[in-house]
Amino acid sequence: MLFATIFLVAFVILGGVVMYLSKTIDHGEARFDSSGKLISDEEKHDDE
């Protein structure tokens, strides 16, 4: 019974940490061109 209680408390704490980090860390995908340089979203394209 004690093990189950410790497990549930640890699970809730870990879930809270994961939820906090998911809200504070920027999510996204880095894009690279064929030379390996990072493609920035701020770059202007000719077709805009």
PDB file of N, CA and C in Angstrom:
ATOM      1  N   MET A   1       0.823  -1.203   0.000  1.00  0.00           N
ATOM      2  CA  MET A   1       0.000   0.000   0.000  1.00  0.00           C
ATOM      3  C   MET A   1       0.863   1.262   0.000  1.00  0.00           C
ATOM      4  N   LEU A   2       1.928   1.239   0.777  1.00  0.00           N
ATOM      5  CA  LEU A   2       2.818   2.397   0.834  1.00  0.00           C
ATOM      6  C   LEU A   2       3.485   2.632  -0.517  1.00  0.00           C
ATOM      7  N   PHE A   3       3.892   1.537  -1.173  1.00  0.00           N
ATOM      8  CA  PHE A   3       4.525   1.666  -2.488  1.00  0.00           C
ATOM      9  C   PHE A   3       3.566   2.280  -3.501  1.00  0.00           C
ATOM     10  N   ALA A   4       2.322   1.867  -3.469  1.00  0.00           N
ATOM     11  CA  ALA A   4       1.321   2.398  -4.404  1.00  0.00           C
ATOM     12  C   ALA A   4       1.097   3.890  -4.172  1.00  0.00           C
ATOM     13  N   THR A   5       1.059   4.311  -2.919  1.00  0.00           N
ATOM     14  CA  THR A   5       0.879   5.722  -2.596  1.00  0.00           C
ATOM     15  C   THR A   5       2.070   6.543  -3.077  1.00  0.00           C
ATOM     16  N   ILE A   6       3.269   6.059  -2.825  1.00  0.00           N
ATOM     17  CA  ILE A   6       4.479   6.761  -3.282  1.00  0.00           C
ATOM     18  C   ILE A   6       4.492   6.839  -4.799  1.00  0.00           C
ATOM     19  N   PHE A   7       4.122   5.761  -5.474  1.00  0.00           N
ATOM     20  CA  PHE A   7       4.093   5.740  -6.930  1.00  0.00           C
ATOM     21  C   PHE A   7       3.094   6.755  -7.472  1.00  0.00           C
ATOM     22  N   LEU A   8       1.902   6.808  -6.895  1.00  0.00           N
ATOM     23  CA  LEU A   8       0.881   7.750  -7.373  1.00  0.00           C
ATOM     24  C   LEU A   8       1.303   9.196  -7.135  1.00  0.00           C
ATOM     25  N   VAL A   9       1.898   9.488  -5.996  1.00  0.00           N
ATOM     26  CA  VAL A   9       2.357  10.846  -5.712  1.00  0.00           C
ATOM     27  C   VAL A   9       3.467  11.239  -6.690  1.00  0.00           C
ATOM     28  N   ALA A  10       4.415  10.341  -6.929  1.00  0.00           N
ATOM     29  CA  ALA A  10       5.498  10.623  -7.873  1.00  0.00           C
ATOM     30  C   ALA A  10       4.949  10.816  -9.287  1.00  0.00           C
ATOM     31  N   PHE A  11       3.945  10.032  -9.656  1.00  0.00           N
ATOM     32  CA  PHE A  11       3.341  10.144 -10.986  1.00  0.00           C
ATOM     33  C   PHE A  11       2.662  11.499 -11.159  1.00  0.00           C
ATOM     34  N   VAL A  12       1.950  11.961 -10.143  1.00  0.00           N
ATOM     35  CA  VAL A  12       1.275  13.263 -10.211  1.00  0.00           C
ATOM     36  C   VAL A  12       2.302  14.394 -10.277  1.00  0.00           C
ATOM     37  N   ILE A  13       3.361  14.303  -9.480  1.00  0.00           N
ATOM     38  CA  ILE A  13       4.408  15.335  -9.505  1.00  0.00           C
ATOM     39  C   ILE A  13       5.096  15.363 -10.865  1.00  0.00           C
ATOM     40  N   LEU A  14       5.420  14.201 -11.402  1.00  0.00           N
ATOM     41  CA  LEU A  14       6.058  14.139 -12.720  1.00  0.00           C
ATOM     42  C   LEU A  14       5.140  14.695 -13.802  1.00  0.00           C
ATOM     43  N   GLY A  15       3.872  14.385 -13.728  1.00  0.00           N
ATOM     44  CA  GLY A  15       2.908  14.932 -14.690  1.00  0.00           C
ATOM     45  C   GLY A  15       2.840  16.444 -14.607  1.00  0.00           C
ATOM     46  N   GLY A  16       2.889  16.989 -13.398  1.00  0.00           N
ATOM     47  CA  GLY A  16       2.882  18.441 -13.238  1.00  0.00           C
ATOM     48  C   GLY A  16       4.117  19.089 -13.830  1.00  0.00           C
ATOM     49  N   VAL A  17       5.272  18.478 -13.647  1.00  0.00           N
ATOM     50  CA  VAL A  17       6.516  19.006 -14.226  1.00  0.00           C
ATOM     51  C   VAL A  17       6.444  18.974 -15.749  1.00  0.00           C
ATOM     52  N   VAL A  18       5.932  17.900 -16.302  1.00  0.00           N
ATOM     53  CA  VAL A  18       5.811  17.787 -17.761  1.00  0.00           C
ATOM     54  C   VAL A  18       4.851  18.844 -18.303  1.00  0.00           C
ATOM     55  N   MET A  19       3.730  19.051 -17.641  1.00  0.00           N
ATOM     56  CA  MET A  19       2.769  20.067 -18.098  1.00  0.00           C
ATOM     57  C   MET A  19       3.383  21.471 -18.009  1.00  0.00           C
ATOM     58  N   TYR A  20       4.116  21.747 -16.936  1.00  0.00           N
ATOM     59  CA  TYR A  20       4.761  23.051 -16.789  1.00  0.00           C
ATOM     60  C   TYR A  20       5.783  23.277 -17.909  1.00  0.00           C
ATOM     61  N   LEU A  21       6.622  22.271 -18.175  1.00  0.00           N
ATOM     62  CA  LEU A  21       7.636  22.421 -19.213  1.00  0.00           C
ATOM     63  C   LEU A  21       7.015  22.546 -20.596  1.00  0.00           C
ATOM     64  N   SER A  22       5.918  21.842 -20.844  1.00  0.00           N
ATOM     65  CA  SER A  22       5.293  21.913 -22.161  1.00  0.00           C
ATOM     66  C   SER A  22       4.705  23.299 -22.422  1.00  0.00           C
ATOM     67  N   LYS A  23       4.337  24.015 -21.372  1.00  0.00           N
ATOM     68  CA  LYS A  23       3.793  25.358 -21.554  1.00  0.00           C
ATOM     69  C   LYS A  23       4.881  26.420 -21.628  1.00  0.00           C
ATOM     70  N   THR A  24       6.062  26.158 -21.078  1.00  0.00           N
ATOM     71  CA  THR A  24       7.107  27.183 -21.027  1.00  0.00           C
ATOM     72  C   THR A  24       8.158  27.030 -22.128  1.00  0.00           C
ATOM     73  N   ILE A  25       8.298  25.862 -22.712  1.00  0.00           N
ATOM     74  CA  ILE A  25       9.304  25.646 -23.751  1.00  0.00           C
ATOM     75  C   ILE A  25       8.663  25.839 -25.117  1.00  0.00           C
ATOM     76  N   ASP A  26       9.319  26.627 -25.973  1.00  0.00           N
ATOM     77  CA  ASP A  26       8.813  26.832 -27.325  1.00  0.00           C
ATOM     78  C   ASP A  26       8.894  25.541 -28.113  1.00  0.00           C
ATOM     79  N   HIS A  27       7.801  25.227 -28.773  1.00  0.00           N
ATOM     80  CA  HIS A  27       7.784  24.048 -29.621  1.00  0.00           C
ATOM     81  C   HIS A  27       7.920  24.498 -31.067  1.00  0.00           C
ATOM     82  N   GLY A  28       8.455  23.655 -31.883  1.00  0.00           N
ATOM     83  CA  GLY A  28       8.608  23.996 -33.280  1.00  0.00           C
ATOM     84  C   GLY A  28       9.552  23.041 -33.959  1.00  0.00           C
ATOM     85  N   GLU A  29       9.840  23.376 -35.164  1.00  0.00           N
ATOM     86  CA  GLU A  29      10.685  22.507 -35.971  1.00  0.00           C
ATOM     87  C   GLU A  29      11.744  23.365 -36.650  1.00  0.00           C
ATOM     88  N   ALA A  30      12.983  23.014 -36.449  1.00  0.00           N
ATOM     89  CA  ALA A  30      14.063  23.740 -37.109  1.00  0.00           C
ATOM     90  C   ALA A  30      14.159  23.263 -38.551  1.00  0.00           C
ATOM     91  N   ARG A  31      14.340  24.211 -39.462  1.00  0.00           N
ATOM     92  CA  ARG A  31      14.465  23.868 -40.877  1.00  0.00           C
ATOM     93  C   ARG A  31      15.848  24.274 -41.367  1.00  0.00           C
ATOM     94  N   PHE A  32      16.446  23.425 -42.169  1.00  0.00           N
ATOM     95  CA  PHE A  32      17.786  23.667 -42.689  1.00  0.00           C
ATOM     96  C   PHE A  32      17.774  23.552 -44.199  1.00  0.00           C
ATOM     97  N   ASP A  33      18.635  24.365 -44.862  1.00  0.00           N
ATOM     98  CA  ASP A  33      18.747  24.245 -46.311  1.00  0.00           C
ATOM     99  C   ASP A  33      19.765  23.156 -46.656  1.00  0.00           C
ATOM    100  N   SER A  34      20.056  23.005 -47.933  1.00  0.00           N
ATOM    101  CA  SER A  34      20.922  21.912 -48.369  1.00  0.00           C
ATOM    102  C   SER A  34      22.359  22.053 -47.870  1.00  0.00           C
ATOM    103  N   SER A  35      22.766  23.278 -47.512  1.00  0.00           N
ATOM    104  CA  SER A  35      24.129  23.463 -46.998  1.00  0.00           C
ATOM    105  C   SER A  35      24.200  23.268 -45.484  1.00  0.00           C
ATOM    106  N   GLY A  36      23.059  23.049 -44.825  1.00  0.00           N
ATOM    107  CA  GLY A  36      23.057  22.837 -43.391  1.00  0.00           C
ATOM    108  C   GLY A  36      22.836  24.096 -42.579  1.00  0.00           C
ATOM    109  N   LYS A  37      22.591  25.234 -43.251  1.00  0.00           N
ATOM    110  CA  LYS A  37      22.339  26.474 -42.534  1.00  0.00           C
ATOM    111  C   LYS A  37      20.882  26.538 -42.109  1.00  0.00           C
ATOM    112  N   LEU A  38      20.629  27.136 -40.946  1.00  0.00           N
ATOM    113  CA  LEU A  38      19.289  27.269 -40.408  1.00  0.00           C
ATOM    114  C   LEU A  38      18.474  28.240 -41.254  1.00  0.00           C
ATOM    115  N   ILE A  39      17.264  27.845 -41.606  1.00  0.00           N
ATOM    116  CA  ILE A  39      16.354  28.722 -42.341  1.00  0.00           C
ATOM    117  C   ILE A  39      15.530  29.476 -41.311  1.00  0.00           C
ATOM    118  N   SER A  40      15.628  30.803 -41.331  1.00  0.00           N
ATOM    119  CA  SER A  40      14.917  31.628 -40.364  1.00  0.00           C
ATOM    120  C   SER A  40      13.552  32.009 -40.910  1.00  0.00           C
ATOM    121  N   ASP A  41      12.549  32.089 -40.037  1.00  0.00           N
ATOM    122  CA  ASP A  41      11.211  32.494 -40.461  1.00  0.00           C
ATOM    123  C   ASP A  41      11.148  33.976 -40.790  1.00  0.00           C
ATOM    124  N   GLU A  42      12.116  34.766 -40.319  1.00  0.00           N
ATOM    125  CA  GLU A  42      12.098  36.200 -40.575  1.00  0.00           C
ATOM    126  C   GLU A  42      12.577  36.564 -41.984  1.00  0.00           C
ATOM    127  N   GLU A  43      13.134  35.594 -42.710  1.00  0.00           N
ATOM    128  CA  GLU A  43      13.632  35.888 -44.052  1.00  0.00           C
ATOM    129  C   GLU A  43      12.480  36.248 -44.977  1.00  0.00           C
ATOM    130  N   LYS A  44      12.708  37.229 -45.821  1.00  0.00           N
ATOM    131  CA  LYS A  44      11.690  37.629 -46.798  1.00  0.00           C
ATOM    132  C   LYS A  44      11.919  36.868 -48.084  1.00  0.00           C
ATOM    133  N   HIS A  45      10.818  36.430 -48.682  1.00  0.00           N
ATOM    134  CA  HIS A  45      10.887  35.708 -49.939  1.00  0.00           C
ATOM    135  C   HIS A  45      10.420  36.604 -51.073  1.00  0.00           C
ATOM    136  N   ASP A  46      10.858  36.317 -52.294  1.00  0.00           N
ATOM    137  CA  ASP A  46      10.514  37.157 -53.440  1.00  0.00           C
ATOM    138  C   ASP A  46       9.029  37.098 -53.777  1.00  0.00           C
ATOM    139  N   ASP A  47       8.360  36.001 -53.448  1.00  0.00           N
ATOM    140  CA  ASP A  47       6.957  35.858 -53.832  1.00  0.00           C
ATOM    141  C   ASP A  47       5.995  36.468 -52.811  1.00  0.00           C
ATOM    142  N   GLU A  48       6.484  37.144 -51.800  1.00  0.00           N
ATOM    143  CA  GLU A  48       5.590  37.764 -50.816  1.00  0.00           C
ATOM    144  C   GLU A  48       5.317  39.217 -51.173  1.00  0.00           C
TER     145      GLU A  48
END
